[in-house]
C-alpha atoms as a PDB file:
ATOM      1  CA  UNK A   1     159.574   9.632  32.297  1.00  0.00           C
ATOM      2  CA  UNK A   2     157.006  11.265  29.995  1.00  0.00           C
ATOM      3  CA  UNK A   3     153.400  10.679  30.956  1.00  0.00           C
ATOM      4  CA  UNK A   4     150.430  10.571  28.630  1.00  0.00           C
ATOM      5  CA  UNK A   5     147.858  13.340  28.839  1.00  0.00           C
ATOM      6  CA  UNK A   6     145.445  11.307  30.911  1.00  0.00           C
ATOM      7  CA  UNK A   7     148.203  10.563  33.478  1.00  0.00           C
ATOM      8  CA  UNK A   8     149.177  14.371  33.601  1.00  0.00           C
ATOM      9  CA  UNK A   9     145.473  15.314  34.211  1.00  0.00           C
ATOM     10  CA  UNK A  10     145.568  12.949  37.221  1.00  0.00           C
ATOM     11  CA  UNK A  11     148.887  14.309  38.544  1.00  0.00           C
ATOM     12  CA  UNK A  12     148.583  18.186  37.949  1.00  0.00           C
ATOM     13  CA  UNK A  13     146.530  20.400  39.763  1.00  0.00           C
ATOM     14  CA  UNK A  14     145.535  24.133  39.095  1.00  0.00           C
ATOM     15  CA  UNK A  15     147.046  25.017  42.549  1.00  0.00           C
ATOM     16  CA  UNK A  16     150.473  23.800  41.303  1.00  0.00           C
ATOM     17  CA  UNK A  17     150.284  25.796  38.104  1.00  0.00           C
ATOM     18  CA  UNK A  18     149.303  28.872  40.073  1.00  0.00           C
ATOM     19  CA  UNK A  19     152.168  28.470  42.424  1.00  0.00           C
ATOM     20  CA  UNK A  20     154.606  27.787  39.503  1.00  0.00           C
ATOM     21  CA  UNK A  21     153.308  31.051  37.924  1.00  0.00           C
ATOM     22  CA  UNK A  22     154.127  33.063  40.867  1.00  0.00           C
ATOM     23  CA  UNK A  23     157.479  31.713  41.470  1.00  0.00           C
ATOM     24  CA  UNK A  24     158.288  32.077  37.710  1.00  0.00           C
ATOM     25  CA  UNK A  25     157.652  36.024  38.033  1.00  0.00           C
ATOM     26  CA  UNK A  26     159.213  36.317  41.475  1.00  0.00           C
ATOM     27  CA  UNK A  27     162.270  34.019  40.877  1.00  0.00           C
ATOM     28  CA  UNK A  28     162.016  33.389  44.627  1.00  0.00           C
ATOM     29  CA  UNK A  29     160.374  30.849  46.728  1.00  0.00           C
ATOM     30  CA  UNK A  30     160.151  33.070  49.712  1.00  0.00           C
ATOM     31  CA  UNK A  31     158.734  35.888  47.840  1.00  0.00           C
ATOM     32  CA  UNK A  32     156.163  33.595  46.130  1.00  0.00           C
ATOM     33  CA  UNK A  33     155.129  32.263  49.506  1.00  0.00           C
ATOM     34  CA  UNK A  34     154.684  35.758  50.808  1.00  0.00           C
ATOM     35  CA  UNK A  35     152.265  36.729  47.881  1.00  0.00           C
ATOM     36  CA  UNK A  36     150.410  33.467  47.962  1.00  0.00           C
ATOM     37  CA  UNK A  37     149.930  33.573  51.840  1.00  0.00           C
ATOM     38  CA  UNK A  38     151.803  30.102  52.109  1.00  0.00           C
ATOM     39  CA  UNK A  39     154.916  28.898  53.825  1.00  0.00           C
ATOM     40  CA  UNK A  40     158.018  28.593  51.870  1.00  0.00           C
ATOM     41  CA  UNK A  41     158.155  24.623  52.517  1.00  0.00           C
ATOM     42  CA  UNK A  42     154.587  24.565  51.167  1.00  0.00           C
ATOM     43  CA  UNK A  43     155.782  26.282  47.952  1.00  0.00           C
ATOM     44  CA  UNK A  44     158.682  24.072  47.690  1.00  0.00           C
ATOM     45  CA  UNK A  45     156.478  21.091  47.977  1.00  0.00           C
ATOM     46  CA  UNK A  46     154.078  22.219  45.153  1.00  0.00           C
ATOM     47  CA  UNK A  47     156.990  22.768  42.945  1.00  0.00           C
ATOM     48  CA  UNK A  48     158.430  19.308  43.800  1.00  0.00           C
ATOM     49  CA  UNK A  49     154.971  17.676  42.879  1.00  0.00           C
ATOM     50  CA  UNK A  50     154.745  19.593  39.711  1.00  0.00           C
ATOM     51  CA  UNK A  51     158.275  18.771  38.588  1.00  0.00           C
ATOM     52  CA  UNK A  52     157.697  15.013  39.579  1.00  0.00           C
ATOM     53  CA  UNK A  53     154.477  15.138  37.298  1.00  0.00           C
ATOM     54  CA  UNK A  54     156.260  16.718  34.462  1.00  0.00           C
ATOM     55  CA  UNK A  55     159.460  14.723  34.941  1.00  0.00           C
ATOM     56  CA  UNK A  56     161.721  17.815  34.417  1.00  0.00           C
ATOM     57  CA  UNK A  57     162.886  20.723  36.595  1.00  0.00           C
ATOM     58  CA  UNK A  58     161.159  23.923  36.223  1.00  0.00           C
ATOM     59  CA  UNK A  59     164.085  25.996  38.086  1.00  0.00           C
ATOM     60  CA  UNK A  60     167.736  25.697  38.812  1.00  0.00           C
ATOM     61  CA  UNK A  61     169.706  27.319  41.544  1.00  0.00           C
ATOM     62  CA  UNK A  62     173.123  28.787  40.829  1.00  0.00           C
ATOM     63  CA  UNK A  63     174.344  29.928  43.957  1.00  0.00           C
ATOM     64  CA  UNK A  64     171.509  31.638  45.831  1.00  0.00           C
ATOM     65  CA  UNK A  65     170.009  32.802  42.474  1.00  0.00           C
ATOM     66  CA  UNK A  66     166.934  31.028  40.957  1.00  0.00           C
ATOM     67  CA  UNK A  67     166.813  30.469  37.300  1.00  0.00           C
ATOM     68  CA  UNK A  68     164.026  29.319  34.875  1.00  0.00           C
ATOM     69  CA  UNK A  69     164.948  26.083  32.997  1.00  0.00           C
ATOM     70  CA  UNK A  70     163.965  25.652  29.166  1.00  0.00           C
ATOM     71  CA  UNK A  71     161.024  23.433  30.260  1.00  0.00           C
ATOM     72  CA  UNK A  72     159.967  26.028  32.915  1.00  0.00           C
ATOM     73  CA  UNK A  73     160.029  28.717  30.032  1.00  0.00           C
ATOM     74  CA  UNK A  74     157.610  26.471  27.863  1.00  0.00           C
ATOM     75  CA  UNK A  75     155.330  25.538  30.955  1.00  0.00           C
ATOM     76  CA  UNK A  76     154.882  29.231  31.552  1.00  0.00           C
ATOM     77  CA  UNK A  77     153.537  29.929  28.093  1.00  0.00           C
ATOM     78  CA  UNK A  78     151.080  27.075  28.474  1.00  0.00           C
ATOM     79  CA  UNK A  79     149.949  28.171  31.987  1.00  0.00           C
ATOM     80  CA  UNK A  80     149.540  31.802  30.960  1.00  0.00           C
ATOM     81  CA  UNK A  81     147.097  30.483  28.141  1.00  0.00           C
ATOM     82  CA  UNK A  82     145.328  28.361  30.378  1.00  0.00           C
ATOM     83  CA  UNK A  83     144.560  31.024  33.007  1.00  0.00           C
ATOM     84  CA  UNK A  84     143.685  33.576  30.394  1.00  0.00           C
ATOM     85  CA  UNK A  85     141.137  31.104  28.824  1.00  0.00           C
ATOM     86  CA  UNK A  86     139.758  30.195  32.277  1.00  0.00           C
ATOM     87  CA  UNK A  87     139.232  33.916  32.882  1.00  0.00           C
ATOM     88  CA  UNK A  88     137.553  34.395  29.554  1.00  0.00           C
ATOM     89  CA  UNK A  89     135.246  31.582  30.320  1.00  0.00           C
ATOM     90  CA  UNK A  90     134.243  32.835  33.739  1.00  0.00           C
ATOM     91  CA  UNK A  91     133.341  36.178  32.184  1.00  0.00           C
ATOM     92  CA  UNK A  92     131.173  34.504  29.417  1.00  0.00           C
ATOM     93  CA  UNK A  93     129.402  32.607  32.034  1.00  0.00           C
ATOM     94  CA  UNK A  94     128.521  35.813  33.785  1.00  0.00           C
ATOM     95  CA  UNK A  95     127.347  37.284  30.441  1.00  0.00           C
ATOM     96  CA  UNK A  96     124.933  34.404  30.236  1.00  0.00           C
ATOM     97  CA  UNK A  97     123.316  35.572  33.424  1.00  0.00           C
ATOM     98  CA  UNK A  98     123.193  39.328  31.867  1.00  0.00           C
ATOM     99  CA  UNK A  99     126.111  40.434  33.994  1.00  0.00           C
ATOM    100  CA  UNK A 100     129.589  41.735  33.293  1.00  0.00           C
ATOM    101  CA  UNK A 101     132.232  40.786  35.855  1.00  0.00           C
ATOM    102  CA  UNK A 102     135.719  39.895  35.794  1.00  0.00           C
ATOM    103  CA  UNK A 103     139.189  41.556  35.696  1.00  0.00           C
ATOM    104  CA  UNK A 104     140.496  44.319  33.536  1.00  0.00           C
ATOM    105  CA  UNK A 105     144.392  44.429  33.760  1.00  0.00           C
ATOM    106  CA  UNK A 106     145.255  47.979  32.520  1.00  0.00           C
ATOM    107  CA  UNK A 107     148.733  49.149  31.934  1.00  0.00           C
ATOM    108  CA  UNK A 108     149.232  53.010  31.683  1.00  0.00           C
ATOM    109  CA  UNK A 109     152.257  54.991  30.408  1.00  0.00           C
ATOM    110  CA  UNK A 110     153.216  57.455  33.120  1.00  0.00           C
ATOM    111  CA  UNK A 111     152.235  60.481  30.807  1.00  0.00           C
ATOM    112  CA  UNK A 112     148.609  59.058  30.657  1.00  0.00           C
ATOM    113  CA  UNK A 113     148.442  58.372  34.522  1.00  0.00           C
ATOM    114  CA  UNK A 114     146.385  61.723  35.056  1.00  0.00           C
ATOM    115  CA  UNK A 115     143.635  60.977  32.565  1.00  0.00           C
ATOM    116  CA  UNK A 116     142.884  57.334  33.338  1.00  0.00           C
ATOM    117  CA  UNK A 117     140.750  57.930  36.626  1.00  0.00           C
ATOM    118  CA  UNK A 118     138.421  60.142  34.341  1.00  0.00           C
ATOM    119  CA  UNK A 119     138.188  57.126  31.965  1.00  0.00           C
ATOM    120  CA  UNK A 120     137.450  54.633  34.672  1.00  0.00           C
ATOM    121  CA  UNK A 121     134.858  56.574  36.464  1.00  0.00           C
ATOM    122  CA  UNK A 122     132.109  56.202  33.995  1.00  0.00           C
ATOM    123  CA  UNK A 123     133.058  52.684  33.119  1.00  0.00           C
ATOM    124  CA  UNK A 124     132.825  51.430  36.503  1.00  0.00           C
ATOM    125  CA  UNK A 125     129.649  53.141  37.269  1.00  0.00           C
ATOM    126  CA  UNK A 126     128.184  51.208  34.257  1.00  0.00           C
ATOM    127  CA  UNK A 127     129.875  47.915  35.476  1.00  0.00           C
ATOM    128  CA  UNK A 128     130.506  48.043  39.163  1.00  0.00           C
ATOM    129  CA  UNK A 129     131.392  44.368  39.442  1.00  0.00           C
ATOM    130  CA  UNK A 130     134.521  44.683  37.206  1.00  0.00           C
ATOM    131  CA  UNK A 131     137.685  44.761  39.077  1.00  0.00           C
ATOM    132  CA  UNK A 132     140.544  46.968  37.564  1.00  0.00           C
ATOM    133  CA  UNK A 133     144.119  46.543  38.289  1.00  0.00           C
ATOM    134  CA  UNK A 134     146.296  49.724  37.049  1.00  0.00           C
ATOM    135  CA  UNK A 135     150.130  49.516  36.568  1.00  0.00           C
ATOM    136  CA  UNK A 136     152.078  52.573  35.553  1.00  0.00           C
ATOM    137  CA  UNK A 137     155.175  52.124  33.386  1.00  0.00           C
ATOM    138  CA  UNK A 138     157.172  53.761  30.726  1.00  0.00           C
ATOM    139  CA  UNK A 139     156.298  52.921  26.937  1.00  0.00           C
ATOM    140  CA  UNK A 140     158.887  50.338  26.526  1.00  0.00           C
ATOM    141  CA  UNK A 141     158.207  48.201  29.573  1.00  0.00           C
ATOM    142  CA  UNK A 142     154.320  48.432  29.081  1.00  0.00           C
ATOM    143  CA  UNK A 143     154.684  47.193  25.580  1.00  0.00           C
ATOM    144  CA  UNK A 144     156.885  44.244  26.808  1.00  0.00           C
ATOM    145  CA  UNK A 145     154.354  43.317  29.526  1.00  0.00           C
ATOM    146  CA  UNK A 146     151.571  43.464  26.892  1.00  0.00           C
ATOM    147  CA  UNK A 147     153.047  41.166  24.616  1.00  0.00           C
ATOM    148  CA  UNK A 148     153.751  38.784  27.554  1.00  0.00           C
ATOM    149  CA  UNK A 149     150.054  38.759  28.312  1.00  0.00           C
ATOM    150  CA  UNK A 150     150.687  40.107  31.744  1.00  0.00           C
ATOM    151  CA  UNK A 151     148.188  43.011  30.950  1.00  0.00           C
ATOM    152  CA  UNK A 152     145.032  43.250  28.725  1.00  0.00           C
ATOM    153  CA  UNK A 153     145.230  46.884  27.422  1.00  0.00           C
ATOM    154  CA  UNK A 154     147.936  49.664  27.349  1.00  0.00           C
ATOM    155  CA  UNK A 155     146.928  53.271  27.322  1.00  0.00           C
ATOM    156  CA  UNK A 156     149.804  55.074  25.356  1.00  0.00           C
ATOM    157  CA  UNK A 157     150.317  57.954  23.085  1.00  0.00           C
ATOM    158  CA  UNK A 158     152.878  56.110  20.791  1.00  0.00           C
ATOM    159  CA  UNK A 159     152.348  52.635  19.490  1.00  0.00           C
ATOM    160  CA  UNK A 160     155.165  50.526  18.205  1.00  0.00           C
ATOM    161  CA  UNK A 161     154.865  49.960  14.514  1.00  0.00           C
ATOM    162  CA  UNK A 162     154.314  46.156  14.525  1.00  0.00           C
ATOM    163  CA  UNK A 163     151.465  43.864  13.299  1.00  0.00           C
ATOM    164  CA  UNK A 164     151.527  42.276  16.709  1.00  0.00           C
ATOM    165  CA  UNK A 165     149.616  45.002  18.347  1.00  0.00           C
ATOM    166  CA  UNK A 166     146.143  46.497  17.426  1.00  0.00           C
ATOM    167  CA  UNK A 167     145.382  50.137  18.451  1.00  0.00           C
ATOM    168  CA  UNK A 168     142.211  52.344  19.060  1.00  0.00           C
ATOM    169  CA  UNK A 169     142.734  56.035  19.197  1.00  0.00           C
ATOM    170  CA  UNK A 170     140.254  57.658  21.688  1.00  0.00           C
ATOM    171  CA  UNK A 171     141.541  61.214  22.333  1.00  0.00           C
ATOM    172  CA  UNK A 172     143.897  63.964  21.199  1.00  0.00           C
ATOM    173  CA  UNK A 173     147.198  63.768  23.048  1.00  0.00           C
ATOM    174  CA  UNK A 174     148.934  67.255  22.772  1.00  0.00           C
ATOM    175  CA  UNK A 175     152.606  67.992  23.695  1.00  0.00           C
ATOM    176  CA  UNK A 176     152.771  71.682  24.579  1.00  0.00           C
ATOM    177  CA  UNK A 177     155.687  74.071  25.117  1.00  0.00           C
ATOM    178  CA  UNK A 178     155.926  75.305  28.684  1.00  0.00           C
ATOM    179  CA  UNK A 179     158.145  77.804  30.512  1.00  0.00           C
ATOM    180  CA  UNK A 180     158.165  79.208  34.008  1.00  0.00           C
ATOM    181  CA  UNK A 181     156.221  82.530  34.618  1.00  0.00           C
ATOM    182  CA  UNK A 182     158.468  85.513  33.728  1.00  0.00           C
ATOM    183  CA  UNK A 183     160.729  83.503  31.386  1.00  0.00           C
ATOM    184  CA  UNK A 184     162.721  85.644  29.007  1.00  0.00           C
ATOM    185  CA  UNK A 185     161.098  83.683  26.011  1.00  0.00           C
ATOM    186  CA  UNK A 186     157.879  85.268  26.845  1.00  0.00           C
ATOM    187  CA  UNK A 187     159.299  88.804  26.116  1.00  0.00           C
ATOM    188  CA  UNK A 188     160.215  87.781  22.597  1.00  0.00           C
ATOM    189  CA  UNK A 189     158.189  87.945  19.509  1.00  0.00           C
ATOM    190  CA  UNK A 190     158.228  85.090  16.861  1.00  0.00           C
ATOM    191  CA  UNK A 191     160.152  82.424  18.777  1.00  0.00           C
ATOM    192  CA  UNK A 192     161.223  79.485  16.690  1.00  0.00           C
ATOM    193  CA  UNK A 193     161.123  75.994  17.714  1.00  0.00           C
ATOM    194  CA  UNK A 194     164.852  75.957  17.610  1.00  0.00           C
ATOM    195  CA  UNK A 195     165.058  78.936  19.926  1.00  0.00           C
ATOM    196  CA  UNK A 196     162.815  77.216  22.411  1.00  0.00           C
ATOM    197  CA  UNK A 197     164.957  74.039  22.480  1.00  0.00           C
ATOM    198  CA  UNK A 198     168.076  76.221  23.044  1.00  0.00           C
ATOM    199  CA  UNK A 199     166.651  77.894  26.026  1.00  0.00           C
ATOM    200  CA  UNK A 200     167.654  74.832  28.210  1.00  0.00           C
ATOM    201  CA  UNK A 201     165.371  71.811  27.282  1.00  0.00           C
ATOM    202  CA  UNK A 202     164.318  69.249  30.131  1.00  0.00           C
ATOM    203  CA  UNK A 203     163.999  65.794  28.504  1.00  0.00           C
ATOM    204  CA  UNK A 204     162.405  62.423  29.563  1.00  0.00           C
ATOM    205  CA  UNK A 205     164.297  59.322  29.817  1.00  0.00           C
ATOM    206  CA  UNK A 206     165.028  56.765  26.847  1.00  0.00           C
ATOM    207  CA  UNK A 207     161.930  54.549  26.375  1.00  0.00           C
ATOM    208  CA  UNK A 208     159.427  57.278  27.162  1.00  0.00           C
ATOM    209  CA  UNK A 209     156.803  57.893  24.618  1.00  0.00           C
ATOM    210  CA  UNK A 210     157.044  61.800  25.230  1.00  0.00           C
ATOM    211  CA  UNK A 211     160.691  61.711  24.429  1.00  0.00           C
ATOM    212  CA  UNK A 212     160.006  59.547  21.211  1.00  0.00           C
ATOM    213  CA  UNK A 213     157.468  61.993  19.828  1.00  0.00           C
ATOM    214  CA  UNK A 214     159.931  64.904  20.518  1.00  0.00           C
ATOM    215  CA  UNK A 215     162.697  63.142  18.810  1.00  0.00           C
ATOM    216  CA  UNK A 216     160.528  62.312  15.824  1.00  0.00           C
ATOM    217  CA  UNK A 217     159.327  66.020  15.745  1.00  0.00           C
ATOM    218  CA  UNK A 218     162.971  67.385  15.862  1.00  0.00           C
ATOM    219  CA  UNK A 219     164.058  64.902  13.080  1.00  0.00           C
ATOM    220  CA  UNK A 220     161.333  66.112  10.899  1.00  0.00           C
ATOM    221  CA  UNK A 221     162.189  69.820  11.291  1.00  0.00           C
ATOM    222  CA  UNK A 222     165.856  69.191  11.298  1.00  0.00           C
ATOM    223  CA  UNK A 223     166.178  70.769  14.890  1.00  0.00           C
ATOM    224  CA  UNK A 224     169.271  69.829  16.802  1.00  0.00           C
ATOM    225  CA  UNK A 225     169.643  70.372  20.720  1.00  0.00           C
ATOM    226  CA  UNK A 226     171.404  69.129  23.756  1.00  0.00           C
ATOM    227  CA  UNK A 227     169.138  68.722  26.839  1.00  0.00           C
ATOM    228  CA  UNK A 228     170.295  70.365  30.147  1.00  0.00           C
ATOM    229  CA  UNK A 229     168.640  67.527  32.179  1.00  0.00           C
ATOM    230  CA  UNK A 230     166.911  64.145  32.009  1.00  0.00           C
ATOM    231  CA  UNK A 231     164.042  63.054  34.117  1.00  0.00           C
ATOM    232  CA  UNK A 232     162.396  59.849  34.592  1.00  0.00           C
ATOM    233  CA  UNK A 233     158.710  61.293  34.879  1.00  0.00           C
ATOM    234  CA  UNK A 234     156.642  64.093  33.517  1.00  0.00           C
ATOM    235  CA  UNK A 235     155.992  65.220  37.004  1.00  0.00           C
ATOM    236  CA  UNK A 236     159.764  65.605  37.500  1.00  0.00           C
ATOM    237  CA  UNK A 237     160.327  67.609  34.255  1.00  0.00           C
ATOM    238  CA  UNK A 238     157.323  69.640  35.199  1.00  0.00           C
ATOM    239  CA  UNK A 239     158.777  70.817  38.495  1.00  0.00           C
ATOM    240  CA  UNK A 240     161.919  71.155  36.917  1.00  0.00           C
ATOM    241  CA  UNK A 241     160.476  73.898  34.792  1.00  0.00           C
ATOM    242  CA  UNK A 242     158.633  75.506  37.776  1.00  0.00           C
ATOM    243  CA  UNK A 243     162.066  75.564  39.503  1.00  0.00           C
ATOM    244  CA  UNK A 244     163.633  77.510  36.468  1.00  0.00           C
ATOM    245  CA  UNK A 245     165.840  74.592  35.339  1.00  0.00           C
ATOM    246  CA  UNK A 246     164.781  75.086  31.757  1.00  0.00           C
ATOM    247  CA  UNK A 247     161.808  74.553  29.438  1.00  0.00           C
ATOM    248  CA  UNK A 248     159.951  71.499  28.287  1.00  0.00           C
ATOM    249  CA  UNK A 249     157.207  69.958  25.879  1.00  0.00           C
ATOM    250  CA  UNK A 250     154.679  68.064  28.204  1.00  0.00           C
ATOM    251  CA  UNK A 251     151.385  66.644  27.801  1.00  0.00           C
ATOM    252  CA  UNK A 252     148.583  69.194  28.064  1.00  0.00           C
ATOM    253  CA  UNK A 253     146.810  67.121  30.675  1.00  0.00           C
ATOM    254  CA  UNK A 254     149.934  67.134  32.806  1.00  0.00           C
ATOM    255  CA  UNK A 255     150.196  70.907  32.894  1.00  0.00           C
ATOM    256  CA  UNK A 256     146.662  72.197  32.779  1.00  0.00           C
ATOM    257  CA  UNK A 257     146.466  73.157  36.501  1.00  0.00           C
ATOM    258  CA  UNK A 258     149.673  75.137  36.512  1.00  0.00           C
ATOM    259  CA  UNK A 259     148.751  76.915  33.237  1.00  0.00           C
ATOM    260  CA  UNK A 260     145.241  77.876  34.799  1.00  0.00           C
ATOM    261  CA  UNK A 261     147.212  79.199  38.016  1.00  0.00           C
ATOM    262  CA  UNK A 262     149.861  81.001  35.932  1.00  0.00           C
ATOM    263  CA  UNK A 263     152.818  79.180  37.508  1.00  0.00           C
ATOM    264  CA  UNK A 264     153.449  77.703  33.967  1.00  0.00           C
ATOM    265  CA  UNK A 265     152.924  79.694  30.646  1.00  0.00           C
ATOM    266  CA  UNK A 266     152.519  78.255  27.166  1.00  0.00           C
ATOM    267  CA  UNK A 267     154.269  80.399  24.688  1.00  0.00           C
ATOM    268  CA  UNK A 268     152.939  80.537  21.004  1.00  0.00           C
ATOM    269  CA  UNK A 269     155.595  78.911  18.907  1.00  0.00           C
ATOM    270  CA  UNK A 270     155.104  77.638  15.274  1.00  0.00           C
ATOM    271  CA  UNK A 271     154.927  73.955  15.105  1.00  0.00           C
ATOM    272  CA  UNK A 272     153.655  73.476  18.595  1.00  0.00           C
ATOM    273  CA  UNK A 273     151.666  71.727  19.841  1.00  0.00           C
ATOM    274  CA  UNK A 274     152.829  68.216  18.714  1.00  0.00           C
ATOM    275  CA  UNK A 275     149.771  66.294  18.011  1.00  0.00           C
ATOM    276  CA  UNK A 276     149.174  62.734  18.728  1.00  0.00           C
ATOM    277  CA  UNK A 277     146.450  60.582  20.217  1.00  0.00           C
ATOM    278  CA  UNK A 278     145.886  58.463  23.271  1.00  0.00           C
ATOM    279  CA  UNK A 279     145.304  54.856  22.215  1.00  0.00           C
ATOM    280  CA  UNK A 280     144.268  51.854  23.717  1.00  0.00           C
ATOM    281  CA  UNK A 281     146.562  48.972  22.592  1.00  0.00           C
ATOM    282  CA  UNK A 282     146.237  45.157  22.898  1.00  0.00           C
ATOM    283  CA  UNK A 283     147.554  42.137  21.164  1.00  0.00           C
ATOM    284  CA  UNK A 284     146.274  41.453  17.608  1.00  0.00           C
ATOM    285  CA  UNK A 285     146.424  37.726  18.216  1.00  0.00           C
ATOM    286  CA  UNK A 286     144.079  38.099  21.458  1.00  0.00           C
ATOM    287  CA  UNK A 287     140.470  37.827  21.253  1.00  0.00           C
ATOM    288  CA  UNK A 288     139.234  40.558  23.685  1.00  0.00           C
ATOM    289  CA  UNK A 289     137.562  39.209  26.710  1.00  0.00           C
ATOM    290  CA  UNK A 290     133.980  40.635  27.524  1.00  0.00           C
ATOM    291  CA  UNK A 291     135.590  42.939  30.052  1.00  0.00           C
ATOM    292  CA  UNK A 292     138.194  44.213  27.677  1.00  0.00           C
ATOM    293  CA  UNK A 293     135.547  44.572  24.747  1.00  0.00           C
ATOM    294  CA  UNK A 294     133.462  46.576  27.166  1.00  0.00           C
ATOM    295  CA  UNK A 295     136.335  48.957  28.138  1.00  0.00           C
ATOM    296  CA  UNK A 296     137.192  49.518  24.379  1.00  0.00           C
ATOM    297  CA  UNK A 297     133.389  50.208  23.553  1.00  0.00           C
ATOM    298  CA  UNK A 298     133.589  52.804  26.460  1.00  0.00           C
ATOM    299  CA  UNK A 299     136.534  54.436  25.206  1.00  0.00           C
ATOM    300  CA  UNK A 300     135.228  54.669  21.497  1.00  0.00           C
ATOM    301  CA  UNK A 301     131.728  56.048  22.697  1.00  0.00           C
ATOM    302  CA  UNK A 302     132.491  58.035  25.876  1.00  0.00           C
ATOM    303  CA  UNK A 303     136.286  58.647  25.941  1.00  0.00           C
ATOM    304  CA  UNK A 304     136.020  62.174  24.439  1.00  0.00           C
ATOM    305  CA  UNK A 305     133.097  63.074  26.706  1.00  0.00           C
ATOM    306  CA  UNK A 306     134.982  61.702  29.724  1.00  0.00           C
ATOM    307  CA  UNK A 307     138.154  63.814  29.236  1.00  0.00           C
ATOM    308  CA  UNK A 308     136.676  67.057  27.525  1.00  0.00           C
ATOM    309  CA  UNK A 309     135.528  68.708  30.439  1.00  0.00           C
ATOM    310  CA  UNK A 310     138.786  68.494  32.355  1.00  0.00           C
ATOM    311  CA  UNK A 311     141.442  68.590  29.566  1.00  0.00           C
ATOM    312  CA  UNK A 312     140.016  70.398  26.465  1.00  0.00           C
ATOM    313  CA  UNK A 313     142.905  72.274  24.651  1.00  0.00           C
ATOM    314  CA  UNK A 314     142.026  75.977  24.295  1.00  0.00           C
END
């Protein structure tokens, strides 16, 4: 049975939609119950009421696995927009009282993880009633979450070339060559980029922004190389260099401490550093919430100042 809008409004509740959204992302009634602080029968009851109101199943079981139905996929898009609009309404109401309050869902690619606390410090000093949730992922996964409206802003170094996303650069992001102290390359003059890559290059995984930037550089310079090892984080790559496994190109912010102590050395090589910018990225179709806009303004006006003292390139 298909109900009229008035009938649906009488039968649906926000609680049902909230429970549905958690089940949708967890694909498990028991995990959804744990997150919501409910019993599994209570979650099942909410879903039965929702499905009865809509006249279609939202999920199907195949064996022990829960799958989303086409109707469930359609509902999730609508629910996402409803809760996003409610959050914006709440922020706007606080603004009418001269306050800024709400949640900022920030996703950060792993190489930017080290700079974000310095950006948030000044922002939260100005707006202490804002709640910030930070998720750390690689670039590909971060972009997917953003387009699904699971996050408000992504801090990244490489932005996919698409009209779906808007970008705001706010600070230089430099990939610098690093070797272990005492490395043989440090005894040579006029080291070329090709020689550097041939010295045993340690590489990030597919989907990493650093890897994409390095591959773009090598393509432009017609450099070919075979990495000796691949790691899933800049921290692992850095420690691989320290351990003597090879050489690497890493964000300057991630190695500044080791360069200061002399554990790592930055050789002078023509063509390096690879210059990029840290960017705040958000969906082009999304009207920034008041909290989002305040954070974007903070990055534009204070981003360089927040990071310069800690991460300025020599």
